[in-house]
């Protein structure tokens, strides 16, 4: 599967957080998130392993009661079912890969 830029619309996940599903396979799912300064992704967990890369901006993660500030070029991997949340300190662009794919995200897109 190939993703051609500008073939899909971003989906508003929560206030200040929008995403697009780029590509997915049987075992992985790549997404792009655009996060607005001041927005917050509340503490949550999910069964997918999550690997991310901060392209631009600045984020403050809370992961299992630890706080970590991420800057451009930083990357992370969160095991499945780990509670985590994010405070967006600057407008940010993030690429994340989920394994297995997040069906709750994929349902928003037509991949024909």
N, C-alpha and C. Protein backbone atom coordinates (compact mmCIF):
# COMPACT_ATOMS: atom_id res chain seq x y z
N UNK A 1 0.84 -1.17 0.00
CA UNK A 1 0.00 0.00 0.00
C UNK A 1 0.89 1.23 0.00
N UNK A 2 0.54 2.21 -0.81
CA UNK A 2 1.23 3.49 -0.85
C UNK A 2 0.26 4.59 -0.46
N UNK A 3 0.77 5.59 0.22
CA UNK A 3 -0.01 6.78 0.54
C UNK A 3 0.51 7.92 -0.32
N UNK A 4 -0.37 8.56 -1.05
CA UNK A 4 -0.02 9.73 -1.84
C UNK A 4 -0.52 10.96 -1.11
N UNK A 5 0.37 11.89 -0.84
CA UNK A 5 0.04 13.10 -0.08
C UNK A 5 -1.21 13.77 -0.62
N UNK A 6 -2.01 14.29 0.30
CA UNK A 6 -3.23 15.05 -0.01
C UNK A 6 -4.33 14.21 -0.63
N UNK A 7 -4.36 12.91 -0.34
CA UNK A 7 -5.45 12.09 -0.85
C UNK A 7 -6.50 11.81 0.22
N UNK A 8 -6.24 12.22 1.46
CA UNK A 8 -7.19 12.03 2.56
C UNK A 8 -7.22 13.28 3.43
N UNK A 9 -8.31 13.43 4.18
CA UNK A 9 -8.47 14.54 5.11
C UNK A 9 -8.03 14.11 6.51
N UNK A 10 -7.53 15.07 7.28
CA UNK A 10 -7.22 14.82 8.68
C UNK A 10 -8.52 14.67 9.47
N UNK A 11 -8.48 13.85 10.50
CA UNK A 11 -9.62 13.62 11.39
C UNK A 11 -9.30 14.27 12.73
N UNK A 12 -10.26 15.04 13.27
CA UNK A 12 -10.10 15.62 14.60
C UNK A 12 -10.37 14.52 15.62
N UNK A 13 -9.35 14.20 16.38
CA UNK A 13 -9.47 13.15 17.40
C UNK A 13 -10.05 13.74 18.68
N UNK A 14 -9.42 14.81 19.17
CA UNK A 14 -9.91 15.61 20.29
C UNK A 14 -9.49 17.05 20.00
N UNK A 15 -9.95 18.01 20.80
CA UNK A 15 -9.59 19.41 20.56
C UNK A 15 -8.08 19.57 20.46
N UNK A 16 -7.62 20.16 19.35
CA UNK A 16 -6.21 20.42 19.16
C UNK A 16 -5.38 19.25 18.69
N UNK A 17 -6.03 18.11 18.42
CA UNK A 17 -5.31 16.91 18.00
C UNK A 17 -6.01 16.33 16.77
N UNK A 18 -5.30 16.34 15.64
CA UNK A 18 -5.85 15.72 14.45
C UNK A 18 -4.83 14.75 13.88
N UNK A 19 -5.33 13.76 13.15
CA UNK A 19 -4.44 12.73 12.63
C UNK A 19 -4.93 12.26 11.27
N UNK A 20 -4.02 11.57 10.61
CA UNK A 20 -4.33 10.91 9.35
C UNK A 20 -3.64 9.56 9.37
N UNK A 21 -4.34 8.54 8.90
CA UNK A 21 -3.72 7.23 8.72
C UNK A 21 -2.98 7.26 7.40
N UNK A 22 -1.69 6.98 7.44
CA UNK A 22 -0.87 7.03 6.23
C UNK A 22 -0.93 5.69 5.49
N UNK A 23 -0.43 4.65 6.12
CA UNK A 23 -0.46 3.31 5.54
C UNK A 23 -0.63 2.29 6.66
N UNK A 24 -1.11 1.12 6.27
CA UNK A 24 -1.24 0.05 7.24
C UNK A 24 -1.10 -1.29 6.54
N UNK A 25 -0.70 -2.27 7.32
CA UNK A 25 -0.60 -3.64 6.84
C UNK A 25 -1.27 -4.54 7.85
N UNK A 26 -0.92 -5.81 7.81
CA UNK A 26 -1.52 -6.76 8.75
C UNK A 26 -1.00 -6.58 10.17
N UNK A 27 0.25 -6.06 10.30
CA UNK A 27 0.86 -6.00 11.62
C UNK A 27 1.21 -4.59 12.08
N UNK A 28 1.25 -3.62 11.16
CA UNK A 28 1.62 -2.25 11.54
C UNK A 28 0.69 -1.23 10.92
N UNK A 29 0.72 -0.04 11.50
CA UNK A 29 -0.16 1.06 11.09
C UNK A 29 0.59 2.37 11.35
N UNK A 30 0.86 3.14 10.28
CA UNK A 30 1.58 4.40 10.41
C UNK A 30 0.60 5.57 10.34
N UNK A 31 0.76 6.51 11.28
CA UNK A 31 -0.10 7.68 11.36
C UNK A 31 0.73 8.95 11.45
N UNK A 32 0.09 10.06 11.12
CA UNK A 32 0.70 11.38 11.30
C UNK A 32 -0.25 12.19 12.18
N UNK A 33 0.29 12.79 13.22
CA UNK A 33 -0.49 13.63 14.13
C UNK A 33 -0.03 15.07 14.04
N UNK A 34 -0.98 15.98 14.01
CA UNK A 34 -0.71 17.42 14.12
C UNK A 34 -1.36 17.87 15.43
N UNK A 35 -0.51 18.39 16.32
CA UNK A 35 -0.94 18.74 17.67
C UNK A 35 -0.77 20.24 17.88
N UNK A 36 -1.80 20.88 18.41
CA UNK A 36 -1.76 22.32 18.65
C UNK A 36 -1.27 22.61 20.06
N UNK A 37 -0.43 23.64 20.15
CA UNK A 37 0.09 24.09 21.45
C UNK A 37 -1.08 24.28 22.43
N UNK A 38 -0.88 23.78 23.65
CA UNK A 38 -1.89 23.92 24.70
C UNK A 38 -2.87 22.77 24.78
N UNK A 39 -2.89 21.91 23.78
CA UNK A 39 -3.81 20.77 23.84
C UNK A 39 -3.21 19.66 24.70
N UNK A 40 -4.08 18.76 25.11
CA UNK A 40 -3.68 17.67 25.99
C UNK A 40 -4.31 16.37 25.51
N UNK A 41 -3.52 15.33 25.47
CA UNK A 41 -4.04 13.98 25.25
C UNK A 41 -4.09 13.34 26.63
N UNK A 42 -5.29 13.08 27.14
CA UNK A 42 -5.42 12.56 28.50
C UNK A 42 -4.75 11.20 28.67
N UNK A 43 -4.45 10.87 29.91
CA UNK A 43 -3.89 9.55 30.21
C UNK A 43 -4.81 8.47 29.65
N UNK A 44 -4.21 7.51 28.98
CA UNK A 44 -4.95 6.40 28.38
C UNK A 44 -3.99 5.24 28.13
N UNK A 45 -4.54 4.12 27.75
CA UNK A 45 -3.73 2.97 27.33
C UNK A 45 -4.49 2.26 26.22
N UNK A 46 -3.78 1.42 25.48
CA UNK A 46 -4.39 0.65 24.41
C UNK A 46 -3.56 -0.61 24.20
N UNK A 47 -4.14 -1.62 23.57
CA UNK A 47 -3.43 -2.89 23.41
C UNK A 47 -2.30 -2.85 22.39
N UNK A 48 -2.20 -1.78 21.61
CA UNK A 48 -1.15 -1.69 20.59
C UNK A 48 0.16 -1.18 21.18
N UNK A 49 1.27 -1.73 20.71
CA UNK A 49 2.58 -1.15 20.95
C UNK A 49 2.64 0.12 20.10
N UNK A 50 3.30 1.16 20.59
CA UNK A 50 3.31 2.46 19.92
C UNK A 50 4.75 2.97 19.82
N UNK A 51 5.18 3.27 18.59
CA UNK A 51 6.51 3.81 18.35
C UNK A 51 6.33 5.15 17.66
N UNK A 52 7.00 6.20 18.17
CA UNK A 52 6.80 7.52 17.60
C UNK A 52 8.09 8.29 17.39
N UNK A 53 7.97 9.34 16.56
CA UNK A 53 9.09 10.22 16.23
C UNK A 53 8.56 11.64 16.17
N UNK A 54 9.18 12.55 16.91
CA UNK A 54 8.77 13.95 16.91
C UNK A 54 9.52 14.69 15.81
N UNK A 55 8.79 15.06 14.76
CA UNK A 55 9.37 15.77 13.62
C UNK A 55 9.63 17.23 13.98
N UNK A 56 8.64 17.86 14.60
CA UNK A 56 8.79 19.27 15.01
C UNK A 56 7.92 19.54 16.21
N UNK A 57 8.28 20.58 16.97
CA UNK A 57 7.51 20.97 18.15
C UNK A 57 8.16 20.50 19.43
N UNK A 58 7.34 20.46 20.48
CA UNK A 58 7.82 20.05 21.80
C UNK A 58 6.65 19.47 22.57
N UNK A 59 6.86 18.32 23.21
CA UNK A 59 5.81 17.60 23.93
C UNK A 59 6.30 17.22 25.32
N UNK A 60 5.36 17.13 26.26
CA UNK A 60 5.68 16.60 27.58
C UNK A 60 4.83 15.35 27.79
N UNK A 61 5.51 14.20 27.83
CA UNK A 61 4.85 12.92 28.03
C UNK A 61 4.77 12.59 29.51
N UNK A 62 3.68 11.95 29.89
CA UNK A 62 3.58 11.29 31.17
C UNK A 62 3.42 9.81 30.85
N UNK A 63 4.37 9.00 31.31
CA UNK A 63 4.35 7.57 31.05
C UNK A 63 4.59 6.86 32.37
N UNK A 64 3.59 6.12 32.82
CA UNK A 64 3.72 5.37 34.08
C UNK A 64 4.29 6.24 35.20
N UNK A 65 3.70 7.40 35.43
CA UNK A 65 4.06 8.34 36.48
C UNK A 65 5.43 9.00 36.30
N UNK A 66 6.04 8.86 35.12
CA UNK A 66 7.29 9.54 34.80
C UNK A 66 6.99 10.61 33.76
N UNK A 67 7.63 11.79 33.88
CA UNK A 67 7.45 12.87 32.92
C UNK A 67 8.71 13.02 32.08
N UNK A 68 8.51 13.07 30.75
CA UNK A 68 9.63 13.18 29.82
C UNK A 68 9.30 14.26 28.80
N UNK A 69 10.21 15.19 28.58
CA UNK A 69 10.01 16.22 27.56
C UNK A 69 10.69 15.78 26.28
N UNK A 70 9.93 15.82 25.18
CA UNK A 70 10.46 15.41 23.87
C UNK A 70 10.64 16.63 22.98
N UNK A 71 11.75 16.63 22.24
CA UNK A 71 12.07 17.70 21.30
C UNK A 71 12.28 17.09 19.92
N UNK A 72 12.33 17.91 18.86
CA UNK A 72 12.49 17.37 17.52
C UNK A 72 13.67 16.40 17.43
N UNK A 73 13.40 15.28 16.77
CA UNK A 73 14.42 14.24 16.63
C UNK A 73 14.32 13.15 17.68
N UNK A 74 13.55 13.39 18.76
CA UNK A 74 13.38 12.37 19.79
C UNK A 74 12.39 11.31 19.32
N UNK A 75 12.56 10.09 19.79
CA UNK A 75 11.69 8.98 19.44
C UNK A 75 11.34 8.20 20.70
N UNK A 76 10.28 7.40 20.63
CA UNK A 76 9.83 6.63 21.78
C UNK A 76 9.19 5.33 21.33
N UNK A 77 9.14 4.41 22.26
CA UNK A 77 8.42 3.16 22.09
C UNK A 77 7.70 2.87 23.39
N UNK A 78 6.39 2.70 23.31
CA UNK A 78 5.57 2.40 24.47
C UNK A 78 4.97 1.02 24.29
N UNK A 79 5.20 0.17 25.26
CA UNK A 79 4.66 -1.18 25.20
C UNK A 79 3.14 -1.13 25.28
N UNK A 80 2.49 -2.19 24.90
CA UNK A 80 1.03 -2.24 24.96
C UNK A 80 0.56 -2.11 26.41
N UNK A 81 -0.62 -1.51 26.55
CA UNK A 81 -1.30 -1.34 27.83
C UNK A 81 -0.56 -0.47 28.84
N UNK A 82 0.39 0.34 28.40
CA UNK A 82 1.10 1.27 29.28
C UNK A 82 0.31 2.59 29.30
N UNK A 83 -0.03 3.06 30.50
CA UNK A 83 -0.76 4.33 30.60
C UNK A 83 0.16 5.50 30.24
N UNK A 84 -0.34 6.38 29.37
CA UNK A 84 0.46 7.53 28.92
C UNK A 84 -0.46 8.67 28.50
N UNK A 85 0.08 9.87 28.53
CA UNK A 85 -0.64 11.06 28.09
C UNK A 85 0.38 12.09 27.63
N UNK A 86 -0.11 13.16 26.99
CA UNK A 86 0.79 14.15 26.41
C UNK A 86 0.24 15.55 26.62
N UNK A 87 1.13 16.47 27.00
CA UNK A 87 0.84 17.90 27.01
C UNK A 87 1.62 18.50 25.84
N UNK A 88 0.94 19.27 24.99
CA UNK A 88 1.57 19.83 23.81
C UNK A 88 2.11 21.22 24.16
N UNK A 89 3.44 21.34 24.20
CA UNK A 89 4.10 22.59 24.60
C UNK A 89 4.28 23.55 23.43
N UNK A 90 4.37 23.03 22.21
CA UNK A 90 4.48 23.82 20.97
C UNK A 90 3.70 23.08 19.89
N UNK A 91 3.21 23.78 18.88
CA UNK A 91 2.62 23.09 17.74
C UNK A 91 3.59 22.00 17.31
N UNK A 92 3.08 20.79 17.09
CA UNK A 92 3.96 19.64 16.86
C UNK A 92 3.46 18.77 15.73
N UNK A 93 4.43 18.11 15.09
CA UNK A 93 4.16 17.11 14.06
C UNK A 93 4.81 15.81 14.51
N UNK A 94 4.02 14.74 14.57
CA UNK A 94 4.47 13.46 15.10
C UNK A 94 4.12 12.35 14.10
N UNK A 95 5.03 11.43 13.89
CA UNK A 95 4.77 10.21 13.13
C UNK A 95 4.76 9.07 14.13
N UNK A 96 3.70 8.25 14.09
CA UNK A 96 3.62 7.12 15.01
C UNK A 96 3.22 5.85 14.26
N UNK A 97 3.75 4.76 14.76
CA UNK A 97 3.45 3.44 14.22
C UNK A 97 2.86 2.60 15.35
N UNK A 98 1.74 1.96 15.06
CA UNK A 98 1.06 1.10 16.02
C UNK A 98 1.12 -0.34 15.52
N UNK A 99 1.29 -1.27 16.47
CA UNK A 99 1.27 -2.68 16.12
C UNK A 99 0.54 -3.44 17.23
N UNK A 100 -0.50 -4.18 16.90
CA UNK A 100 -1.15 -4.28 15.60
C UNK A 100 -1.84 -2.96 15.24
N UNK A 101 -2.37 -2.86 14.01
CA UNK A 101 -3.04 -1.63 13.59
C UNK A 101 -4.19 -1.24 14.52
N UNK A 102 -4.43 0.07 14.60
CA UNK A 102 -5.52 0.59 15.42
C UNK A 102 -6.80 0.64 14.59
N UNK A 103 -7.63 -0.35 14.78
CA UNK A 103 -8.89 -0.40 14.03
C UNK A 103 -9.76 0.81 14.32
N UNK A 104 -9.68 1.35 15.56
CA UNK A 104 -10.49 2.52 15.91
C UNK A 104 -10.07 3.74 15.09
N UNK A 105 -8.83 3.81 14.64
CA UNK A 105 -8.37 4.90 13.78
C UNK A 105 -8.66 4.59 12.32
N UNK A 106 -8.44 3.36 11.91
CA UNK A 106 -8.62 2.99 10.51
C UNK A 106 -10.06 3.14 10.03
N UNK A 107 -11.02 2.99 10.93
CA UNK A 107 -12.43 3.07 10.53
C UNK A 107 -12.80 4.42 9.94
N UNK A 108 -12.00 5.45 10.16
CA UNK A 108 -12.29 6.80 9.65
C UNK A 108 -11.89 7.00 8.20
N UNK A 109 -11.18 6.03 7.62
CA UNK A 109 -10.58 6.25 6.30
C UNK A 109 -11.02 5.18 5.30
N UNK A 110 -11.14 5.61 4.06
CA UNK A 110 -11.41 4.70 2.95
C UNK A 110 -10.09 4.48 2.22
N UNK A 111 -9.62 3.27 2.16
CA UNK A 111 -8.31 2.98 1.57
C UNK A 111 -8.40 2.44 0.16
N UNK A 112 -9.52 2.66 -0.51
CA UNK A 112 -9.66 2.19 -1.90
C UNK A 112 -8.82 3.00 -2.85
